Amino acid sequence: MLDNCREHFLLTLMILEPTLLILQGDKAAKWTKTFLTDVHTFSPYLSEGYLGEVRTVVCAFYHPSAQRPDQRWDHPKAPYLTEVVEPTLREAVRLI
């Protein structure tokens, strides 16, 4: 089933041609790394590369309900949200 999800995810991305991807969770981030070419990594959470002919900025975060307290961002004052997610999203918008 996960292989089918990966292939469906790739086909969806090829149709949508996103310039910004915001990923939640490990699997989507790992799959996306295999799809992109000419990847430049800015931080553990922010990179850019090409999905086909389209330059795509990628934000890859832990899932909001991650089990480790330092990775959770399920409430507005969560340190991961304020110290990682928000600054990364601001930088991603700047890159677009």
PDB file of N, CA and C in Angstrom:
ATOM      1  N   MET A   1       0.810  -1.193   0.000  1.00  0.00           N
ATOM      2  CA  MET A   1       0.000   0.000   0.000  1.00  0.00           C
ATOM      3  C   MET A   1       0.856   1.261   0.000  1.00  0.00           C
ATOM      4  N   LEU A   2       1.944   1.274   0.796  1.00  0.00           N
ATOM      5  CA  LEU A   2       2.776   2.465   0.835  1.00  0.00           C
ATOM      6  C   LEU A   2       3.399   2.766  -0.518  1.00  0.00           C
ATOM      7  N   ASP A   3       3.743   1.736  -1.280  1.00  0.00           N
ATOM      8  CA  ASP A   3       4.261   1.971  -2.625  1.00  0.00           C
ATOM      9  C   ASP A   3       3.210   2.648  -3.491  1.00  0.00           C
ATOM     10  N   ASN A   4       1.964   2.221  -3.379  1.00  0.00           N
ATOM     11  CA  ASN A   4       0.888   2.867  -4.132  1.00  0.00           C
ATOM     12  C   ASN A   4       0.721   4.318  -3.704  1.00  0.00           C
ATOM     13  N   CYS A   5       0.820   4.585  -2.415  1.00  0.00           N
ATOM     14  CA  CYS A   5       0.710   5.957  -1.916  1.00  0.00           C
ATOM     15  C   CYS A   5       1.821   6.820  -2.502  1.00  0.00           C
ATOM     16  N   ARG A   6       3.027   6.287  -2.524  1.00  0.00           N
ATOM     17  CA  ARG A   6       4.171   7.027  -3.061  1.00  0.00           C
ATOM     18  C   ARG A   6       3.946   7.377  -4.519  1.00  0.00           C
ATOM     19  N   GLU A   7       3.521   6.409  -5.303  1.00  0.00           N
ATOM     20  CA  GLU A   7       3.288   6.654  -6.729  1.00  0.00           C
ATOM     21  C   GLU A   7       2.147   7.642  -6.948  1.00  0.00           C
ATOM     22  N   HIS A   8       1.082   7.512  -6.174  1.00  0.00           N
ATOM     23  CA  HIS A   8      -0.040   8.444  -6.280  1.00  0.00           C
ATOM     24  C   HIS A   8       0.411   9.855  -5.892  1.00  0.00           C
ATOM     25  N   PHE A   9       1.214   9.954  -4.847  1.00  0.00           N
ATOM     26  CA  PHE A   9       1.740  11.243  -4.401  1.00  0.00           C
ATOM     27  C   PHE A   9       2.563  11.888  -5.516  1.00  0.00           C
ATOM     28  N   LEU A  10       3.457  11.137  -6.138  1.00  0.00           N
ATOM     29  CA  LEU A  10       4.272  11.668  -7.227  1.00  0.00           C
ATOM     30  C   LEU A  10       3.404  12.124  -8.389  1.00  0.00           C
ATOM     31  N   LEU A  11       2.449  11.307  -8.799  1.00  0.00           N
ATOM     32  CA  LEU A  11       1.580  11.692  -9.913  1.00  0.00           C
ATOM     33  C   LEU A  11       0.792  12.960  -9.591  1.00  0.00           C
ATOM     34  N   THR A  12       0.326  13.076  -8.370  1.00  0.00           N
ATOM     35  CA  THR A  12      -0.397  14.275  -7.956  1.00  0.00           C
ATOM     36  C   THR A  12       0.505  15.503  -8.040  1.00  0.00           C
ATOM     37  N   LEU A  13       1.738  15.375  -7.570  1.00  0.00           N
ATOM     38  CA  LEU A  13       2.674  16.496  -7.639  1.00  0.00           C
ATOM     39  C   LEU A  13       2.970  16.885  -9.079  1.00  0.00           C
ATOM     40  N   MET A  14       3.123  15.912  -9.952  1.00  0.00           N
ATOM     41  CA  MET A  14       3.410  16.210 -11.357  1.00  0.00           C
ATOM     42  C   MET A  14       2.240  16.948 -12.009  1.00  0.00           C
ATOM     43  N   ILE A  15       1.027  16.627 -11.619  1.00  0.00           N
ATOM     44  CA  ILE A  15      -0.145  17.317 -12.164  1.00  0.00           C
ATOM     45  C   ILE A  15      -0.240  18.734 -11.603  1.00  0.00           C
ATOM     46  N   LEU A  16      -0.070  18.882 -10.303  1.00  0.00           N
ATOM     47  CA  LEU A  16      -0.260  20.182  -9.655  1.00  0.00           C
ATOM     48  C   LEU A  16       0.893  21.158  -9.890  1.00  0.00           C
ATOM     49  N   GLU A  17       2.105  20.648 -10.125  1.00  0.00           N
ATOM     50  CA  GLU A  17       3.295  21.468 -10.337  1.00  0.00           C
ATOM     51  C   GLU A  17       3.462  22.534  -9.250  1.00  0.00           C
ATOM     52  N   PRO A  18       3.554  22.126  -7.992  1.00  0.00           N
ATOM     53  CA  PRO A  18       3.630  23.113  -6.909  1.00  0.00           C
ATOM     54  C   PRO A  18       4.964  23.856  -6.892  1.00  0.00           C
ATOM     55  N   THR A  19       4.913  25.108  -6.491  1.00  0.00           N
ATOM     56  CA  THR A  19       6.139  25.872  -6.260  1.00  0.00           C
ATOM     57  C   THR A  19       6.506  25.862  -4.780  1.00  0.00           C
ATOM     58  N   LEU A  20       5.565  25.457  -3.925  1.00  0.00           N
ATOM     59  CA  LEU A  20       5.809  25.331  -2.495  1.00  0.00           C
ATOM     60  C   LEU A  20       5.128  24.070  -1.983  1.00  0.00           C
ATOM     61  N   LEU A  21       5.891  23.243  -1.300  1.00  0.00           N
ATOM     62  CA  LEU A  21       5.350  22.053  -0.640  1.00  0.00           C
ATOM     63  C   LEU A  21       5.571  22.187   0.856  1.00  0.00           C
ATOM     64  N   ILE A  22       4.538  21.972   1.626  1.00  0.00           N
ATOM     65  CA  ILE A  22       4.648  21.940   3.076  1.00  0.00           C
ATOM     66  C   ILE A  22       4.274  20.527   3.500  1.00  0.00           C
ATOM     67  N   LEU A  23       5.266  19.798   3.958  1.00  0.00           N
ATOM     68  CA  LEU A  23       5.091  18.388   4.273  1.00  0.00           C
ATOM     69  C   LEU A  23       5.042  18.176   5.777  1.00  0.00           C
ATOM     70  N   GLN A  24       4.169  17.278   6.185  1.00  0.00           N
ATOM     71  CA  GLN A  24       4.046  16.915   7.593  1.00  0.00           C
ATOM     72  C   GLN A  24       4.258  15.416   7.715  1.00  0.00           C
ATOM     73  N   GLY A  25       5.325  15.043   8.373  1.00  0.00           N
ATOM     74  CA  GLY A  25       5.589  13.631   8.579  1.00  0.00           C
ATOM     75  C   GLY A  25       6.756  13.134   7.759  1.00  0.00           C
ATOM     76  N   ASP A  26       7.326  12.072   8.221  1.00  0.00           N
ATOM     77  CA  ASP A  26       8.559  11.524   7.682  1.00  0.00           C
ATOM     78  C   ASP A  26       8.406  10.897   6.296  1.00  0.00           C
ATOM     79  N   LYS A  27       7.333  10.163   6.062  1.00  0.00           N
ATOM     80  CA  LYS A  27       7.189   9.443   4.793  1.00  0.00           C
ATOM     81  C   LYS A  27       7.116  10.389   3.600  1.00  0.00           C
ATOM     82  N   ALA A  28       6.289  11.404   3.684  1.00  0.00           N
ATOM     83  CA  ALA A  28       6.163  12.349   2.572  1.00  0.00           C
ATOM     84  C   ALA A  28       7.488  13.051   2.306  1.00  0.00           C
ATOM     85  N   ALA A  29       8.219  13.383   3.359  1.00  0.00           N
ATOM     86  CA  ALA A  29       9.513  14.039   3.186  1.00  0.00           C
ATOM     87  C   ALA A  29      10.507  13.106   2.493  1.00  0.00           C
ATOM     88  N   LYS A  30      10.541  11.850   2.907  1.00  0.00           N
ATOM     89  CA  LYS A  30      11.449  10.888   2.271  1.00  0.00           C
ATOM     90  C   LYS A  30      11.081  10.666   0.810  1.00  0.00           C
ATOM     91  N   TRP A  31       9.795  10.524   0.524  1.00  0.00           N
ATOM     92  CA  TRP A  31       9.361  10.338  -0.862  1.00  0.00           C
ATOM     93  C   TRP A  31       9.767  11.536  -1.712  1.00  0.00           C
ATOM     94  N   THR A  32       9.526  12.729  -1.205  1.00  0.00           N
ATOM     95  CA  THR A  32       9.797  13.934  -1.977  1.00  0.00           C
ATOM     96  C   THR A  32      11.274  14.049  -2.304  1.00  0.00           C
ATOM     97  N   LYS A  33      12.145  13.670  -1.386  1.00  0.00           N
ATOM     98  CA  LYS A  33      13.579  13.720  -1.655  1.00  0.00           C
ATOM     99  C   LYS A  33      13.952  12.859  -2.858  1.00  0.00           C
ATOM    100  N   THR A  34      13.226  11.775  -3.085  1.00  0.00           N
ATOM    101  CA  THR A  34      13.547  10.915  -4.223  1.00  0.00           C
ATOM    102  C   THR A  34      13.015  11.483  -5.532  1.00  0.00           C
ATOM    103  N   PHE A  35      12.078  12.415  -5.484  1.00  0.00           N
ATOM    104  CA  PHE A  35      11.479  12.981  -6.695  1.00  0.00           C
ATOM    105  C   PHE A  35      12.234  14.196  -7.215  1.00  0.00           C
ATOM    106  N   LEU A  36      12.894  14.938  -6.330  1.00  0.00           N
ATOM    107  CA  LEU A  36      13.492  16.218  -6.701  1.00  0.00           C
ATOM    108  C   LEU A  36      14.882  16.044  -7.291  1.00  0.00           C
ATOM    109  N   THR A  37      15.243  16.955  -8.186  1.00  0.00           N
ATOM    110  CA  THR A  37      16.595  17.000  -8.734  1.00  0.00           C
ATOM    111  C   THR A  37      17.202  18.361  -8.405  1.00  0.00           C
ATOM    112  N   ASP A  38      18.513  18.463  -8.536  1.00  0.00           N
ATOM    113  CA  ASP A  38      19.242  19.709  -8.261  1.00  0.00           C
ATOM    114  C   ASP A  38      18.834  20.314  -6.920  1.00  0.00           C
ATOM    115  N   VAL A  39      18.877  19.514  -5.893  1.00  0.00           N
ATOM    116  CA  VAL A  39      18.402  19.936  -4.573  1.00  0.00           C
ATOM    117  C   VAL A  39      19.450  20.798  -3.871  1.00  0.00           C
ATOM    118  N   HIS A  40      18.983  21.895  -3.306  1.00  0.00           N
ATOM    119  CA  HIS A  40      19.802  22.748  -2.439  1.00  0.00           C
ATOM    120  C   HIS A  40      19.137  22.763  -1.068  1.00  0.00           C
ATOM    121  N   THR A  41      19.884  22.400  -0.035  1.00  0.00           N
ATOM    122  CA  THR A  41      19.342  22.341   1.318  1.00  0.00           C
ATOM    123  C   THR A  41      19.766  23.583   2.088  1.00  0.00           C
ATOM    124  N   PHE A  42      18.793  24.310   2.616  1.00  0.00           N
ATOM    125  CA  PHE A  42      19.048  25.510   3.407  1.00  0.00           C
ATOM    126  C   PHE A  42      19.121  25.195   4.898  1.00  0.00           C
ATOM    127  N   SER A  43      18.329  24.239   5.333  1.00  0.00           N
ATOM    128  CA  SER A  43      18.290  23.826   6.737  1.00  0.00           C
ATOM    129  C   SER A  43      17.698  22.421   6.772  1.00  0.00           C
ATOM    130  N   PRO A  44      17.653  21.787   7.936  1.00  0.00           N
ATOM    131  CA  PRO A  44      17.028  20.457   7.990  1.00  0.00           C
ATOM    132  C   PRO A  44      15.550  20.474   7.595  1.00  0.00           C
ATOM    133  N   TYR A  45      14.943  21.654   7.601  1.00  0.00           N
ATOM    134  CA  TYR A  45      13.507  21.762   7.337  1.00  0.00           C
ATOM    135  C   TYR A  45      13.183  22.449   6.019  1.00  0.00           C
ATOM    136  N   LEU A  46      14.177  23.010   5.340  1.00  0.00           N
ATOM    137  CA  LEU A  46      13.921  23.813   4.141  1.00  0.00           C
ATOM    138  C   LEU A  46      14.907  23.473   3.039  1.00  0.00           C
ATOM    139  N   SER A  47      14.354  23.183   1.872  1.00  0.00           N
ATOM    140  CA  SER A  47      15.190  22.911   0.708  1.00  0.00           C
ATOM    141  C   SER A  47      14.451  23.364  -0.544  1.00  0.00           C
ATOM    142  N   GLU A  48      15.157  23.321  -1.650  1.00  0.00           N
ATOM    143  CA  GLU A  48      14.515  23.587  -2.935  1.00  0.00           C
ATOM    144  C   GLU A  48      15.125  22.649  -3.961  1.00  0.00           C
ATOM    145  N   GLY A  49      14.368  22.361  -4.972  1.00  0.00           N
ATOM    146  CA  GLY A  49      14.840  21.506  -6.038  1.00  0.00           C
ATOM    147  C   GLY A  49      13.860  21.588  -7.189  1.00  0.00           C
ATOM    148  N   TYR A  50      14.027  20.713  -8.141  1.00  0.00           N
ATOM    149  CA  TYR A  50      13.146  20.715  -9.307  1.00  0.00           C
ATOM    150  C   TYR A  50      12.316  19.448  -9.335  1.00  0.00           C
ATOM    151  N   LEU A  51      11.050  19.655  -9.521  1.00  0.00           N
ATOM    152  CA  LEU A  51      10.098  18.572  -9.723  1.00  0.00           C
ATOM    153  C   LEU A  51       9.735  18.651 -11.197  1.00  0.00           C
ATOM    154  N   GLY A  52      10.406  17.845 -12.008  1.00  0.00           N
ATOM    155  CA  GLY A  52      10.292  18.021 -13.453  1.00  0.00           C
ATOM    156  C   GLY A  52      10.964  19.335 -13.818  1.00  0.00           C
ATOM    157  N   GLU A  53      10.215  20.238 -14.447  1.00  0.00           N
ATOM    158  CA  GLU A  53      10.743  21.541 -14.852  1.00  0.00           C
ATOM    159  C   GLU A  53      10.443  22.637 -13.835  1.00  0.00           C
ATOM    160  N   VAL A  54       9.733  22.313 -12.782  1.00  0.00           N
ATOM    161  CA  VAL A  54       9.242  23.321 -11.840  1.00  0.00           C
ATOM    162  C   VAL A  54      10.155  23.421 -10.617  1.00  0.00           C
ATOM    163  N   ARG A  55      10.641  24.640 -10.350  1.00  0.00           N
ATOM    164  CA  ARG A  55      11.408  24.878  -9.125  1.00  0.00           C
ATOM    165  C   ARG A  55      10.432  24.837  -7.960  1.00  0.00           C
ATOM    166  N   THR A  56      10.745  24.015  -6.969  1.00  0.00           N
ATOM    167  CA  THR A  56       9.843  23.782  -5.846  1.00  0.00           C
ATOM    168  C   THR A  56      10.590  23.985  -4.532  1.00  0.00           C
ATOM    169  N   VAL A  57      10.035  24.821  -3.677  1.00  0.00           N
ATOM    170  CA  VAL A  57      10.561  25.029  -2.329  1.00  0.00           C
ATOM    171  C   VAL A  57       9.835  24.046  -1.413  1.00  0.00           C
ATOM    172  N   VAL A  58      10.596  23.351  -0.585  1.00  0.00           N
ATOM    173  CA  VAL A  58      10.024  22.295   0.251  1.00  0.00           C
ATOM    174  C   VAL A  58      10.289  22.577   1.730  1.00  0.00           C
ATOM    175  N   CYS A  59       9.217  22.618   2.500  1.00  0.00           N
ATOM    176  CA  CYS A  59       9.291  22.686   3.962  1.00  0.00           C
ATOM    177  C   CYS A  59       8.882  21.313   4.481  1.00  0.00           C
ATOM    178  N   ALA A  60       9.758  20.676   5.212  1.00  0.00           N
ATOM    179  CA  ALA A  60       9.471  19.327   5.718  1.00  0.00           C
ATOM    180  C   ALA A  60       9.522  19.355   7.241  1.00  0.00           C
ATOM    181  N   PHE A  61       8.367  19.162   7.848  1.00  0.00           N
ATOM    182  CA  PHE A  61       8.243  19.239   9.299  1.00  0.00           C
ATOM    183  C   PHE A  61       7.812  17.898   9.873  1.00  0.00           C
ATOM    184  N   TYR A  62       7.999  17.767  11.183  1.00  0.00           N
ATOM    185  CA  TYR A  62       7.406  16.635  11.882  1.00  0.00           C
ATOM    186  C   TYR A  62       5.894  16.787  11.836  1.00  0.00           C
ATOM    187  N   HIS A  63       5.197  15.700  12.012  1.00  0.00           N
ATOM    188  CA  HIS A  63       3.737  15.769  12.086  1.00  0.00           C
ATOM    189  C   HIS A  63       3.357  16.558  13.336  1.00  0.00           C
ATOM    190  N   PRO A  64       2.308  17.397  13.273  1.00  0.00           N
ATOM    191  CA  PRO A  64       1.929  18.201  14.445  1.00  0.00           C
ATOM    192  C   PRO A  64       1.689  17.385  15.713  1.00  0.00           C
ATOM    193  N   SER A  65       1.299  16.143  15.566  1.00  0.00           N
ATOM    194  CA  SER A  65       1.037  15.319  16.750  1.00  0.00           C
ATOM    195  C   SER A  65       2.179  14.345  17.039  1.00  0.00           C
ATOM    196  N   ALA A  66       3.394  14.697  16.625  1.00  0.00           N
ATOM    197  CA  ALA A  66       4.553  13.836  16.876  1.00  0.00           C
ATOM    198  C   ALA A  66       4.620  13.458  18.353  1.00  0.00           C
ATOM    199  N   GLN A  67       5.142  12.285  18.620  1.00  0.00           N
ATOM    200  CA  GLN A  67       5.144  11.762  19.988  1.00  0.00           C
ATOM    201  C   GLN A  67       6.133  12.472  20.910  1.00  0.00           C
ATOM    202  N   ARG A  68       7.254  12.913  20.383  1.00  0.00           N
ATOM    203  CA  ARG A  68       8.243  13.587  21.230  1.00  0.00           C
ATOM    204  C   ARG A  68       7.791  15.016  21.514  1.00  0.00           C
ATOM    205  N   PRO A  69       7.825  15.454  22.748  1.00  0.00           N
ATOM    206  CA  PRO A  69       7.363  16.805  23.089  1.00  0.00           C
ATOM    207  C   PRO A  69       8.090  17.916  22.332  1.00  0.00           C
ATOM    208  N   ASP A  70       9.386  17.729  22.039  1.00  0.00           N
ATOM    209  CA  ASP A  70      10.133  18.778  21.342  1.00  0.00           C
ATOM    210  C   ASP A  70       9.824  18.839  19.848  1.00  0.00           C
ATOM    211  N   GLN A  71       8.999  17.928  19.348  1.00  0.00           N
ATOM    212  CA  GLN A  71       8.625  17.915  17.933  1.00  0.00           C
ATOM    213  C   GLN A  71       7.151  18.237  17.706  1.00  0.00           C
ATOM    214  N   ARG A  72       6.413  18.419  18.764  1.00  0.00           N
ATOM    215  CA  ARG A  72       4.972  18.680  18.645  1.00  0.00           C
ATOM    216  C   ARG A  72       4.734  20.146  18.292  1.00  0.00           C
ATOM    217  N   TRP A  73       3.713  20.375  17.499  1.00  0.00           N
ATOM    218  CA  TRP A  73       3.288  21.753  17.213  1.00  0.00           C
ATOM    219  C   TRP A  73       1.777  21.801  17.069  1.00  0.00           C
ATOM    220  N   ASP A  74       1.149  21.235  18.085  1.00  0.00           N
ATOM    221  CA  ASP A  74      -0.301  21.108  18.082  1.00  0.00           C
ATOM    222  C   ASP A  74      -0.992  22.190  18.918  1.00  0.00           C
ATOM    223  N   HIS A  75      -0.241  23.204  19.326  1.00  0.00           N
ATOM    224  CA  HIS A  75      -0.861  24.354  19.990  1.00  0.00           C
ATOM    225  C   HIS A  75      -0.024  25.598  19.669  1.00  0.00           C
ATOM    226  N   PRO A  76      -0.623  26.793  19.723  1.00  0.00           N
ATOM    227  CA  PRO A  76       0.022  28.011  19.232  1.00  0.00           C
ATOM    228  C   PRO A  76       1.323  28.403  19.931  1.00  0.00           C
ATOM    229  N   LYS A  77       1.549  27.946  21.127  1.00  0.00           N
ATOM    230  CA  LYS A  77       2.768  28.327  21.845  1.00  0.00           C
ATOM    231  C   LYS A  77       3.818  27.214  21.865  1.00  0.00           C
ATOM    232  N   ALA A  78       3.606  26.182  21.096  1.00  0.00           N
ATOM    233  CA  ALA A  78       4.567  25.079  21.052  1.00  0.00           C
ATOM    234  C   ALA A  78       5.912  25.595  20.536  1.00  0.00           C
ATOM    235  N   PRO A  79       7.004  25.313  21.235  1.00  0.00           N
ATOM    236  CA  PRO A  79       8.314  25.788  20.795  1.00  0.00           C
ATOM    237  C   PRO A  79       8.664  25.365  19.362  1.00  0.00           C
ATOM    238  N   TYR A  80       8.319  24.154  18.979  1.00  0.00           N
ATOM    239  CA  TYR A  80       8.630  23.712  17.611  1.00  0.00           C
ATOM    240  C   TYR A  80       7.905  24.591  16.591  1.00  0.00           C
ATOM    241  N   LEU A  81       6.681  24.978  16.892  1.00  0.00           N
ATOM    242  CA  LEU A  81       5.924  25.859  15.997  1.00  0.00           C
ATOM    243  C   LEU A  81       6.571  27.234  15.917  1.00  0.00           C
ATOM    244  N   THR A  82       6.875  27.822  17.053  1.00  0.00           N
ATOM    245  CA  THR A  82       7.379  29.197  17.063  1.00  0.00           C
ATOM    246  C   THR A  82       8.854  29.309  16.684  1.00  0.00           C
ATOM    247  N   GLU A  83       9.638  28.269  16.960  1.00  0.00           N
ATOM    248  CA  GLU A  83      11.078  28.343  16.716  1.00  0.00           C
ATOM    249  C   GLU A  83      11.525  27.673  15.421  1.00  0.00           C
ATOM    250  N   VAL A  84      10.699  26.785  14.878  1.00  0.00           N
ATOM    251  CA  VAL A  84      11.081  26.065  13.659  1.00  0.00           C
ATOM    252  C   VAL A  84      10.081  26.315  12.528  1.00  0.00           C
ATOM    253  N   VAL A  85       8.824  25.981  12.745  1.00  0.00           N
ATOM    254  CA  VAL A  85       7.833  26.040  11.668  1.00  0.00           C
ATOM    255  C   VAL A  85       7.645  27.468  11.158  1.00  0.00           C
ATOM    256  N   GLU A  86       7.344  28.403  12.048  1.00  0.00           N
ATOM    257  CA  GLU A  86       7.070  29.770  11.607  1.00  0.00           C
ATOM    258  C   GLU A  86       8.251  30.419  10.883  1.00  0.00           C
ATOM    259  N   PRO A  87       9.477  30.378  11.431  1.00  0.00           N
ATOM    260  CA  PRO A  87      10.591  30.984  10.703  1.00  0.00           C
ATOM    261  C   PRO A  87      10.884  30.294   9.369  1.00  0.00           C
ATOM    262  N   THR A  88      10.709  28.989   9.323  1.00  0.00           N
ATOM    263  CA  THR A  88      10.946  28.258   8.075  1.00  0.00           C
ATOM    264  C   THR A  88       9.933  28.666   7.018  1.00  0.00           C
ATOM    265  N   LEU A  89       8.678  28.800   7.395  1.00  0.00           N
ATOM    266  CA  LEU A  89       7.653  29.228   6.439  1.00  0.00           C
ATOM    267  C   LEU A  89       7.920  30.646   5.941  1.00  0.00           C
ATOM    268  N   ARG A  90       8.354  31.530   6.822  1.00  0.00           N
ATOM    269  CA  ARG A  90       8.687  32.896   6.386  1.00  0.00           C
ATOM    270  C   ARG A  90       9.818  32.869   5.358  1.00  0.00           C
ATOM    271  N   GLU A  91      10.837  32.071   5.614  1.00  0.00           N
ATOM    272  CA  GLU A  91      11.960  31.969   4.675  1.00  0.00           C
ATOM    273  C   GLU A  91      11.514  31.338   3.361  1.00  0.00           C
ATOM    274  N   ALA A  92      10.651  30.350   3.424  1.00  0.00           N
ATOM    275  CA  ALA A  92      10.151  29.706   2.203  1.00  0.00           C
ATOM    276  C   ALA A  92       9.407  30.708   1.329  1.00  0.00           C
ATOM    277  N   VAL A  93       8.571  31.517   1.934  1.00  0.00           N
ATOM    278  CA  VAL A  93       7.834  32.538   1.170  1.00  0.00           C
ATOM    279  C   VAL A  93       8.812  33.524   0.544  1.00  0.00           C
ATOM    280  N   ARG A  94       9.850  33.881   1.257  1.00  0.00           N
ATOM    281  CA  ARG A  94      10.863  34.788   0.712  1.00  0.00           C
ATOM    282  C   ARG A  94      11.554  34.172  -0.514  1.00  0.00           C
ATOM    283  N   LEU A  95      11.781  32.870  -0.483  1.00  0.00           N
ATOM    284  CA  LEU A  95      12.461  32.189  -1.593  1.00  0.00           C
ATOM    285  C   LEU A  95      11.601  32.087  -2.850  1.00  0.00           C
ATOM    286  N   ILE A  96      10.289  32.083  -2.657  1.00  0.00           N
ATOM    287  CA  ILE A  96       9.396  31.967  -3.815  1.00  0.00           C
ATOM    288  C   ILE A  96       9.408  33.284  -4.525  1.00  0.00           C
TER     289      ILE A  96
END
